[in-house]
Amino acid sequence: EKYNKPGNVFVGVPHRLDRPVSGVVVFAKTSKALVRLNEMF
């Protein structure tokens, strides 16, 4: 909605928090960033 993007939007998940836990979560907007973040974690 923010960027008026057609089709599917990519959001990659390199790490997770348990449901009852709050706080900072990092997501990847590109596959390049996701692959590199996965390796960094």
All heavy atoms as atom14 arrays in JSON, in Angstrom:
{
  "sequence": "EKYNKPGNVFVGVPHRLDRPVSGVVVFAKTSKALVRLNEMF",
  "atom14_mask": [
    [1, 1, 1, 1, 1, 1, 1, 1, 1, 0, 0, 0, 0, 0],
    [1, 1, 1, 1, 1, 1, 1, 1, 1, 0, 0, 0, 0, 0],
    [1, 1, 1, 1, 1, 1, 1, 1, 1, 1, 1, 1, 0, 0],
    [1, 1, 1, 1, 1, 1, 1, 1, 0, 0, 0, 0, 0, 0],
    [1, 1, 1, 1, 1, 1, 1, 1, 1, 0, 0, 0, 0, 0],
    [1, 1, 1, 1, 1, 1, 1, 0, 0, 0, 0, 0, 0, 0],
    [1, 1, 1, 1, 0, 0, 0, 0, 0, 0, 0, 0, 0, 0],
    [1, 1, 1, 1, 1, 1, 1, 1, 0, 0, 0, 0, 0, 0],
    [1, 1, 1, 1, 1, 1, 1, 0, 0, 0, 0, 0, 0, 0],
    [1, 1, 1, 1, 1, 1, 1, 1, 1, 1, 1, 0, 0, 0],
    [1, 1, 1, 1, 1, 1, 1, 0, 0, 0, 0, 0, 0, 0],
    [1, 1, 1, 1, 0, 0, 0, 0, 0, 0, 0, 0, 0, 0],
    [1, 1, 1, 1, 1, 1, 1, 0, 0, 0, 0, 0, 0, 0],
    [1, 1, 1, 1, 1, 1, 1, 0, 0, 0, 0, 0, 0, 0],
    [1, 1, 1, 1, 1, 1, 1, 1, 1, 1, 0, 0, 0, 0],
    [1, 1, 1, 1, 1, 1, 1, 1, 1, 1, 1, 0, 0, 0],
    [1, 1, 1, 1, 1, 1, 1, 1, 0, 0, 0, 0, 0, 0],
    [1, 1, 1, 1, 1, 1, 1, 1, 0, 0, 0, 0, 0, 0],
    [1, 1, 1, 1, 1, 1, 1, 1, 1, 1, 1, 0, 0, 0],
    [1, 1, 1, 1, 1, 1, 1, 0, 0, 0, 0, 0, 0, 0],
    [1, 1, 1, 1, 1, 1, 1, 0, 0, 0, 0, 0, 0, 0],
    [1, 1, 1, 1, 1, 1, 0, 0, 0, 0, 0, 0, 0, 0],
    [1, 1, 1, 1, 0, 0, 0, 0, 0, 0, 0, 0, 0, 0],
    [1, 1, 1, 1, 1, 1, 1, 0, 0, 0, 0, 0, 0, 0],
    [1, 1, 1, 1, 1, 1, 1, 0, 0, 0, 0, 0, 0, 0],
    [1, 1, 1, 1, 1, 1, 1, 0, 0, 0, 0, 0, 0, 0],
    [1, 1, 1, 1, 1, 1, 1, 1, 1, 1, 1, 0, 0, 0],
    [1, 1, 1, 1, 1, 0, 0, 0, 0, 0, 0, 0, 0, 0],
    [1, 1, 1, 1, 1, 1, 1, 1, 1, 0, 0, 0, 0, 0],
    [1, 1, 1, 1, 1, 1, 1, 0, 0, 0, 0, 0, 0, 0],
    [1, 1, 1, 1, 1, 1, 0, 0, 0, 0, 0, 0, 0, 0],
    [1, 1, 1, 1, 1, 1, 1, 1, 1, 0, 0, 0, 0, 0],
    [1, 1, 1, 1, 1, 0, 0, 0, 0, 0, 0, 0, 0, 0],
    [1, 1, 1, 1, 1, 1, 1, 1, 0, 0, 0, 0, 0, 0],
    [1, 1, 1, 1, 1, 1, 1, 0, 0, 0, 0, 0, 0, 0],
    [1, 1, 1, 1, 1, 1, 1, 1, 1, 1, 1, 0, 0, 0],
    [1, 1, 1, 1, 1, 1, 1, 1, 0, 0, 0, 0, 0, 0],
    [1, 1, 1, 1, 1, 1, 1, 1, 0, 0, 0, 0, 0, 0],
    [1, 1, 1, 1, 1, 1, 1, 1, 1, 0, 0, 0, 0, 0],
    [1, 1, 1, 1, 1, 1, 1, 1, 0, 0, 0, 0, 0, 0],
    [1, 1, 1, 1, 1, 1, 1, 1, 1, 1, 1, 0, 0, 0]
  ],
  "atom14_positions": [
    [[0.82, -1.21, 0.0], [0.0, 0.0, 0.0], [0.86, 1.26, 0.0], [0.58, 2.21, -0.74], [-0.92, -0.01, 1.22], [-1.84, 1.2, 1.3], [-2.8, 1.1, 2.46], [-3.14, -0.02, 2.87], [-3.22, 2.17, 2.96], [0.0, 0.0, 0.0], [0.0, 0.0, 0.0], [0.0, 0.0, 0.0], [0.0, 0.0, 0.0], [0.0, 0.0, 0.0]],
    [[1.91, 1.27, 0.81], [2.75, 2.47, 0.92], [3.38, 2.84, -0.42], [3.44, 4.02, -0.79], [3.84, 2.25, 1.96], [4.77, 3.44, 2.13], [5.85, 3.2, 3.18], [6.75, 4.42, 3.3], [7.83, 4.21, 4.3], [0.0, 0.0, 0.0], [0.0, 0.0, 0.0], [0.0, 0.0, 0.0], [0.0, 0.0, 0.0], [0.0, 0.0, 0.0]],
    [[3.88, 1.82, -1.13], [4.61, 2.09, -2.38], [3.79, 1.77, -3.62], [4.32, 1.8, -4.73], [5.91, 1.28, -2.38], [6.86, 1.7, -1.28], [7.05, 0.89, -0.15], [7.54, 2.91, -1.34], [7.91, 1.26, 0.86], [8.4, 3.3, -0.33], [8.58, 2.48, 0.78], [9.43, 2.86, 1.79], [0.0, 0.0, 0.0], [0.0, 0.0, 0.0]],
    [[2.51, 1.45, -3.41], [1.61, 1.15, -4.52], [2.23, 0.1, -5.46], [2.27, 0.27, -6.67], [1.29, 2.44, -5.31], [0.12, 2.26, -6.24], [-0.74, 1.4, -6.01], [0.07, 3.04, -7.31], [0.0, 0.0, 0.0], [0.0, 0.0, 0.0], [0.0, 0.0, 0.0], [0.0, 0.0, 0.0], [0.0, 0.0, 0.0], [0.0, 0.0, 0.0]],
    [[2.68, -0.99, -4.87], [3.38, -2.03, -5.62], [2.38, -3.01, -6.25], [1.48, -3.51, -5.58], [4.34, -2.81, -4.71], [5.59, -2.05, -4.31], [6.46, -2.91, -3.4], [7.8, -2.25, -3.15], [8.69, -2.34, -4.3], [0.0, 0.0, 0.0], [0.0, 0.0, 0.0], [0.0, 0.0, 0.0], [0.0, 0.0, 0.0], [0.0, 0.0, 0.0]],
    [[2.57, -3.33, -7.52], [1.73, -4.37, -8.14], [2.28, -5.76, -7.8], [3.46, -5.92, -7.51], [1.89, -4.07, -9.63], [3.26, -3.47, -9.75], [3.48, -2.69, -8.48], [0.0, 0.0, 0.0], [0.0, 0.0, 0.0], [0.0, 0.0, 0.0], [0.0, 0.0, 0.0], [0.0, 0.0, 0.0], [0.0, 0.0, 0.0], [0.0, 0.0, 0.0]],
    [[1.43, -6.75, -7.81], [1.9, -8.12, -7.6], [2.34, -8.38, -6.17], [1.98, -7.65, -5.24], [0.0, 0.0, 0.0], [0.0, 0.0, 0.0], [0.0, 0.0, 0.0], [0.0, 0.0, 0.0], [0.0, 0.0, 0.0], [0.0, 0.0, 0.0], [0.0, 0.0, 0.0], [0.0, 0.0, 0.0], [0.0, 0.0, 0.0], [0.0, 0.0, 0.0]],
    [[3.13, -9.45, -6.01], [3.58, -9.86, -4.69], [4.71, -8.97, -4.17], [5.53, -8.48, -4.95], [4.06, -11.31, -4.71], [2.92, -12.28, -5.01], [1.78, -12.03, -4.62], [3.22, -13.37, -5.7], [0.0, 0.0, 0.0], [0.0, 0.0, 0.0], [0.0, 0.0, 0.0], [0.0, 0.0, 0.0], [0.0, 0.0, 0.0], [0.0, 0.0, 0.0]],
    [[4.76, -8.8, -2.87], [5.81, -8.03, -2.21], [6.69, -9.0, -1.43], [6.19, -9.88, -0.72], [5.21, -6.98, -1.25], [6.31, -6.27, -0.46], [4.37, -5.97, -2.03], [0.0, 0.0, 0.0], [0.0, 0.0, 0.0], [0.0, 0.0, 0.0], [0.0, 0.0, 0.0], [0.0, 0.0, 0.0], [0.0, 0.0, 0.0], [0.0, 0.0, 0.0]],
    [[8.0, -8.84, -1.55], [8.94, -9.74, -0.87], [9.24, -9.23, 0.53], [9.62, -8.08, 0.72], [10.25, -9.84, -1.67], [11.26, -10.78, -1.04], [11.24, -12.13, -1.33], [12.21, -10.31, -0.14], [12.16, -13.0, -0.76], [13.13, -11.16, 0.44], [13.1, -12.52, 0.14], [0.0, 0.0, 0.0], [0.0, 0.0, 0.0], [0.0, 0.0, 0.0]],
    [[9.06, -10.11, 1.52], [9.5, -9.85, 2.89], [10.13, -11.14, 3.42], [9.44, -12.16, 3.57], [8.35, -9.42, 3.82], [8.83, -9.35, 5.28], [7.79, -8.06, 3.4], [0.0, 0.0, 0.0], [0.0, 0.0, 0.0], [0.0, 0.0, 0.0], [0.0, 0.0, 0.0], [0.0, 0.0, 0.0], [0.0, 0.0, 0.0], [0.0, 0.0, 0.0]],
    [[11.43, -11.12, 3.65], [12.15, -12.29, 4.15], [12.34, -12.23, 5.65], [12.45, -11.15, 6.24], [0.0, 0.0, 0.0], [0.0, 0.0, 0.0], [0.0, 0.0, 0.0], [0.0, 0.0, 0.0], [0.0, 0.0, 0.0], [0.0, 0.0, 0.0], [0.0, 0.0, 0.0], [0.0, 0.0, 0.0], [0.0, 0.0, 0.0], [0.0, 0.0, 0.0]],
    [[12.38, -13.4, 6.28], [12.47, -13.5, 7.74], [13.79, -14.18, 8.13], [13.88, -15.41, 8.14], [11.28, -14.3, 8.32], [11.34, -14.33, 9.84], [9.95, -13.72, 7.84], [0.0, 0.0, 0.0], [0.0, 0.0, 0.0], [0.0, 0.0, 0.0], [0.0, 0.0, 0.0], [0.0, 0.0, 0.0], [0.0, 0.0, 0.0], [0.0, 0.0, 0.0]],
    [[14.82, -13.4, 8.47], [16.11, -14.0, 8.85], [16.19, -14.45, 10.3], [17.08, -15.21, 10.66], [17.11, -12.87, 8.57], [16.32, -11.62, 8.8], [14.92, -11.93, 8.34], [0.0, 0.0, 0.0], [0.0, 0.0, 0.0], [0.0, 0.0, 0.0], [0.0, 0.0, 0.0], [0.0, 0.0, 0.0], [0.0, 0.0, 0.0], [0.0, 0.0, 0.0]],
    [[15.29, -13.98, 11.16], [15.28, -14.42, 12.56], [13.89, -14.21, 13.14], [13.04, -13.58, 12.53], [16.33, -13.68, 13.41], [15.94, -12.28, 13.79], [15.83, -11.85, 15.09], [15.62, -11.22, 13.02], [15.48, -10.58, 15.11], [15.34, -10.17, 13.88], [0.0, 0.0, 0.0], [0.0, 0.0, 0.0], [0.0, 0.0, 0.0], [0.0, 0.0, 0.0]],
    [[13.64, -14.78, 14.31], [12.3, -14.73, 14.9], [12.37, -14.41, 16.38], [13.41, -14.61, 17.01], [11.59, -16.08, 14.71], [11.33, -16.43, 13.25], [11.08, -17.92, 13.07], [10.93, -18.29, 11.68], [11.94, -18.47, 10.84], [13.18, -18.3, 11.26], [11.72, -18.79, 9.57], [0.0, 0.0, 0.0], [0.0, 0.0, 0.0], [0.0, 0.0, 0.0]],
    [[11.25, -13.95, 16.89], [11.04, -13.83, 18.33], [9.84, -14.68, 18.7], [8.88, -14.78, 17.92], [10.76, -12.37, 18.74], [11.88, -11.34, 18.62], [11.37, -9.98, 19.1], [13.1, -11.75, 19.41], [0.0, 0.0, 0.0], [0.0, 0.0, 0.0], [0.0, 0.0, 0.0], [0.0, 0.0, 0.0], [0.0, 0.0, 0.0], [0.0, 0.0, 0.0]],
    [[9.87, -15.29, 19.89], [8.7, -16.01, 20.37], [7.5, -15.08, 20.42], [7.64, -13.88, 20.67], [8.95, -16.59, 21.76], [10.07, -17.61, 21.79], [10.4, -18.15, 20.72], [10.61, -17.86, 22.88], [0.0, 0.0, 0.0], [0.0, 0.0, 0.0], [0.0, 0.0, 0.0], [0.0, 0.0, 0.0], [0.0, 0.0, 0.0], [0.0, 0.0, 0.0]],
    [[6.32, -15.64, 20.24], [5.11, -14.82, 20.22], [4.95, -13.93, 21.44], [4.61, -12.75, 21.32], [3.88, -15.71, 20.04], [2.59, -14.89, 19.9], [1.42, -15.74, 19.44], [0.32, -14.89, 18.99], [-0.68, -15.3, 18.22], [-0.72, -16.56, 17.82], [-1.63, -14.48, 17.85], [0.0, 0.0, 0.0], [0.0, 0.0, 0.0], [0.0, 0.0, 0.0]],
    [[5.15, -14.42, 22.68], [4.92, -13.56, 23.85], [6.03, -12.56, 24.12], [5.96, -11.81, 25.1], [4.8, -14.57, 25.0], [5.6, -15.74, 24.56], [5.44, -15.82, 23.08], [0.0, 0.0, 0.0], [0.0, 0.0, 0.0], [0.0, 0.0, 0.0], [0.0, 0.0, 0.0], [0.0, 0.0, 0.0], [0.0, 0.0, 0.0], [0.0, 0.0, 0.0]],
    [[7.07, -12.54, 23.27], [8.21, -11.63, 23.45], [8.01, -10.4, 22.58], [7.55, -10.49, 21.44], [9.52, -12.35, 23.08], [10.72, -11.4, 23.22], [9.71, -13.59, 23.93], [0.0, 0.0, 0.0], [0.0, 0.0, 0.0], [0.0, 0.0, 0.0], [0.0, 0.0, 0.0], [0.0, 0.0, 0.0], [0.0, 0.0, 0.0], [0.0, 0.0, 0.0]],
    [[8.38, -9.24, 23.09], [8.29, -8.0, 22.32], [9.68, -7.57, 21.86], [10.69, -8.12, 22.28], [7.66, -6.89, 23.17], [8.46, -6.65, 24.33], [0.0, 0.0, 0.0], [0.0, 0.0, 0.0], [0.0, 0.0, 0.0], [0.0, 0.0, 0.0], [0.0, 0.0, 0.0], [0.0, 0.0, 0.0], [0.0, 0.0, 0.0], [0.0, 0.0, 0.0]],
    [[9.7, -6.56, 20.97], [10.98, -5.96, 20.63], [11.36, -6.0, 19.17], [10.54, -6.28, 18.29], [0.0, 0.0, 0.0], [0.0, 0.0, 0.0], [0.0, 0.0, 0.0], [0.0, 0.0, 0.0], [0.0, 0.0, 0.0], [0.0, 0.0, 0.0], [0.0, 0.0, 0.0], [0.0, 0.0, 0.0], [0.0, 0.0, 0.0], [0.0, 0.0, 0.0]],
    [[12.63, -5.72, 18.93], [13.13, -5.46, 17.58], [13.24, -6.74, 16.76], [13.78, -7.74, 17.21], [14.49, -4.72, 17.66], [15.54, -5.54, 18.38], [14.98, -4.32, 16.29], [0.0, 0.0, 0.0], [0.0, 0.0, 0.0], [0.0, 0.0, 0.0], [0.0, 0.0, 0.0], [0.0, 0.0, 0.0], [0.0, 0.0, 0.0], [0.0, 0.0, 0.0]],
    [[12.68, -6.67, 15.54], [12.76, -7.77, 14.58], [13.21, -7.21, 13.24], [12.68, -6.2, 12.77], [11.41, -8.48, 14.39], [11.57, -9.69, 13.46], [10.83, -8.93, 15.72], [0.0, 0.0, 0.0], [0.0, 0.0, 0.0], [0.0, 0.0, 0.0], [0.0, 0.0, 0.0], [0.0, 0.0, 0.0], [0.0, 0.0, 0.0], [0.0, 0.0, 0.0]],
    [[14.19, -7.87, 12.64], [14.75, -7.43, 11.35], [14.14, -8.27, 10.23], [14.11, -9.5, 10.3], [16.28, -7.6, 11.34], [16.86, -7.15, 9.99], [16.92, -6.84, 12.49], [0.0, 0.0, 0.0], [0.0, 0.0, 0.0], [0.0, 0.0, 0.0], [0.0, 0.0, 0.0], [0.0, 0.0, 0.0], [0.0, 0.0, 0.0], [0.0, 0.0, 0.0]],
    [[13.64, -7.59, 9.19], [13.13, -8.26, 8.0], [13.93, -7.8, 6.79], [14.47, -6.69, 6.78], [11.65, -7.92, 7.78], [10.72, -8.44, 8.83], [10.39, -7.66, 9.93], [10.17, -9.71, 8.72], [9.51, -8.13, 10.9], [9.3, -10.2, 9.68], [8.98, -9.4, 10.78], [0.0, 0.0, 0.0], [0.0, 0.0, 0.0], [0.0, 0.0, 0.0]],
    [[13.98, -8.65, 5.77], [14.66, -8.32, 4.51], [13.63, -7.95, 3.45], [12.6, -8.63, 3.32], [15.51, -9.49, 4.04], [0.0, 0.0, 0.0], [0.0, 0.0, 0.0], [0.0, 0.0, 0.0], [0.0, 0.0, 0.0], [0.0, 0.0, 0.0], [0.0, 0.0, 0.0], [0.0, 0.0, 0.0], [0.0, 0.0, 0.0], [0.0, 0.0, 0.0]],
    [[13.91, -6.91, 2.7], [13.01, -6.51, 1.62], [13.49, -7.02, 0.26], [12.77, -6.88, -0.74], [12.9, -4.98, 1.58], [12.14, -4.4, 2.76], [12.21, -2.88, 2.81], [11.58, -2.23, 1.6], [11.63, -0.74, 1.69], [0.0, 0.0, 0.0], [0.0, 0.0, 0.0], [0.0, 0.0, 0.0], [0.0, 0.0, 0.0], [0.0, 0.0, 0.0]],
    [[14.7, -7.58, 0.22], [15.23, -8.16, -1.02], [15.83, -9.52, -0.73], [16.26, -9.8, 0.39], [16.32, -7.26, -1.63], [17.44, -7.19, -0.73], [15.81, -5.85, -1.91], [0.0, 0.0, 0.0], [0.0, 0.0, 0.0], [0.0, 0.0, 0.0], [0.0, 0.0, 0.0], [0.0, 0.0, 0.0], [0.0, 0.0, 0.0], [0.0, 0.0, 0.0]],
    [[15.86, -10.36, -1.75], [16.43, -11.71, -1.57], [17.93, -11.62, -1.3], [18.47, -12.43, -0.54], [16.17, -12.56, -2.81], [16.67, -11.94, -3.98], [0.0, 0.0, 0.0], [0.0, 0.0, 0.0], [0.0, 0.0, 0.0], [0.0, 0.0, 0.0], [0.0, 0.0, 0.0], [0.0, 0.0, 0.0], [0.0, 0.0, 0.0], [0.0, 0.0, 0.0]],
    [[18.61, -10.64, -1.89], [20.04, -10.46, -1.62], [20.29, -10.2, -0.15], [21.16, -10.81, 0.48], [20.59, -9.28, -2.45], [22.06, -8.97, -2.15], [22.49, -7.61, -2.7], [22.55, -7.63, -4.22], [23.13, -6.35, -4.74], [0.0, 0.0, 0.0], [0.0, 0.0, 0.0], [0.0, 0.0, 0.0], [0.0, 0.0, 0.0], [0.0, 0.0, 0.0]],
    [[19.51, -9.3, 0.44], [19.67, -8.99, 1.85], [19.33, -10.2, 2.72], [20.0, -10.46, 3.72], [18.79, -7.8, 2.23], [0.0, 0.0, 0.0], [0.0, 0.0, 0.0], [0.0, 0.0, 0.0], [0.0, 0.0, 0.0], [0.0, 0.0, 0.0], [0.0, 0.0, 0.0], [0.0, 0.0, 0.0], [0.0, 0.0, 0.0], [0.0, 0.0, 0.0]],
    [[18.31, -10.96, 2.34], [17.91, -12.12, 3.13], [19.01, -13.16, 3.18], [19.34, -13.68, 4.26], [16.63, -12.74, 2.57], [16.14, -13.99, 3.29], [15.83, -13.69, 4.75], [14.93, -14.59, 2.59], [0.0, 0.0, 0.0], [0.0, 0.0, 0.0], [0.0, 0.0, 0.0], [0.0, 0.0, 0.0], [0.0, 0.0, 0.0], [0.0, 0.0, 0.0]],
    [[19.59, -13.49, 2.05], [20.66, -14.49, 2.01], [21.84, -14.06, 2.88], [22.37, -14.85, 3.66], [21.13, -14.72, 0.55], [22.42, -15.55, 0.52], [20.05, -15.41, -0.25], [0.0, 0.0, 0.0], [0.0, 0.0, 0.0], [0.0, 0.0, 0.0], [0.0, 0.0, 0.0], [0.0, 0.0, 0.0], [0.0, 0.0, 0.0], [0.0, 0.0, 0.0]],
    [[22.21, -12.81, 2.78], [23.35, -12.32, 3.56], [23.02, -12.24, 5.05], [23.86, -12.57, 5.9], [23.79, -10.96, 3.03], [24.35, -11.03, 1.6], [24.8, -9.68, 1.08], [25.28, -9.79, -0.3], [25.73, -8.77, -1.03], [25.76, -7.55, -0.5], [26.14, -8.95, -2.26], [0.0, 0.0, 0.0], [0.0, 0.0, 0.0], [0.0, 0.0, 0.0]],
    [[21.81, -11.81, 5.39], [21.42, -11.74, 6.79], [21.34, -13.14, 7.42], [21.76, -13.34, 8.56], [20.07, -11.05, 6.94], [20.07, -9.52, 6.91], [18.65, -8.99, 6.81], [20.78, -8.94, 8.13], [0.0, 0.0, 0.0], [0.0, 0.0, 0.0], [0.0, 0.0, 0.0], [0.0, 0.0, 0.0], [0.0, 0.0, 0.0], [0.0, 0.0, 0.0]],
    [[20.81, -14.09, 6.67], [20.77, -15.47, 7.17], [22.16, -15.94, 7.56], [22.35, -16.56, 8.62], [20.18, -16.41, 6.11], [18.68, -16.32, 6.02], [18.01, -15.9, 6.97], [18.13, -16.72, 4.88], [0.0, 0.0, 0.0], [0.0, 0.0, 0.0], [0.0, 0.0, 0.0], [0.0, 0.0, 0.0], [0.0, 0.0, 0.0], [0.0, 0.0, 0.0]],
    [[23.13, -15.65, 6.72], [24.51, -16.08, 7.0], [25.09, -15.3, 8.18], [25.81, -15.86, 9.02], [25.37, -15.88, 5.75], [26.78, -16.4, 5.86], [26.87, -17.91, 6.06], [25.86, -18.61, 5.83], [27.95, -18.39, 6.45], [0.0, 0.0, 0.0], [0.0, 0.0, 0.0], [0.0, 0.0, 0.0], [0.0, 0.0, 0.0], [0.0, 0.0, 0.0]],
    [[24.77, -14.02, 8.28], [25.27, -13.21, 9.4], [24.71, -13.69, 10.73], [25.44, -13.79, 11.72], [24.9, -11.74, 9.17], [25.67, -11.08, 8.02], [24.99, -9.47, 7.54], [25.31, -8.52, 9.04], [0.0, 0.0, 0.0], [0.0, 0.0, 0.0], [0.0, 0.0, 0.0], [0.0, 0.0, 0.0], [0.0, 0.0, 0.0], [0.0, 0.0, 0.0]],
    [[23.42, -14.02, 10.77], [22.84, -14.57, 12.0], [23.47, -15.91, 12.32], [23.76, -16.21, 13.49], [21.32, -14.7, 11.86], [20.56, -13.45, 12.19], [20.07, -12.62, 11.19], [20.32, -13.1, 13.51], [19.37, -11.46, 11.49], [19.63, -11.95, 13.84], [19.14, -11.12, 12.83], [0.0, 0.0, 0.0], [0.0, 0.0, 0.0], [0.0, 0.0, 0.0]]
  ]
}
